[in-house]
Amino acid sequence: MYLHIGNEISIPLRKIIAIIDLETADPTGRLQELIELAERQQKVNVTAGKSDPKSCIITDDRLYLSSISALTLARRAEIKDRLQ
């Protein structure tokens, strides 16, 4: 099964490691370090378009920034209990 994360991008559920709410995450913490590292390695896909990203989806090979909230993505994937 796939999870639609916005901007016509879908990810296989089996590849998703975590869905993180960027609105509550520490903007100076380890997540920011991870995003910066992934950007340097050119492994970030921004699906937010012109909107600010609301969630970060970490997969086994990429990092995605989406304008769809983490809660909505978790509901779509039916993984609310695994939400980070």
Foldseek 3Di string as FASTA:
>chain_A
DWFDQAPPDIDPPVFWDAKAFPVPDDCPDPVVVVVVVLVVVVQEAERQVPDAFGIWTDGPGHIYTGNDHSCVRCVRVVNNVRHD
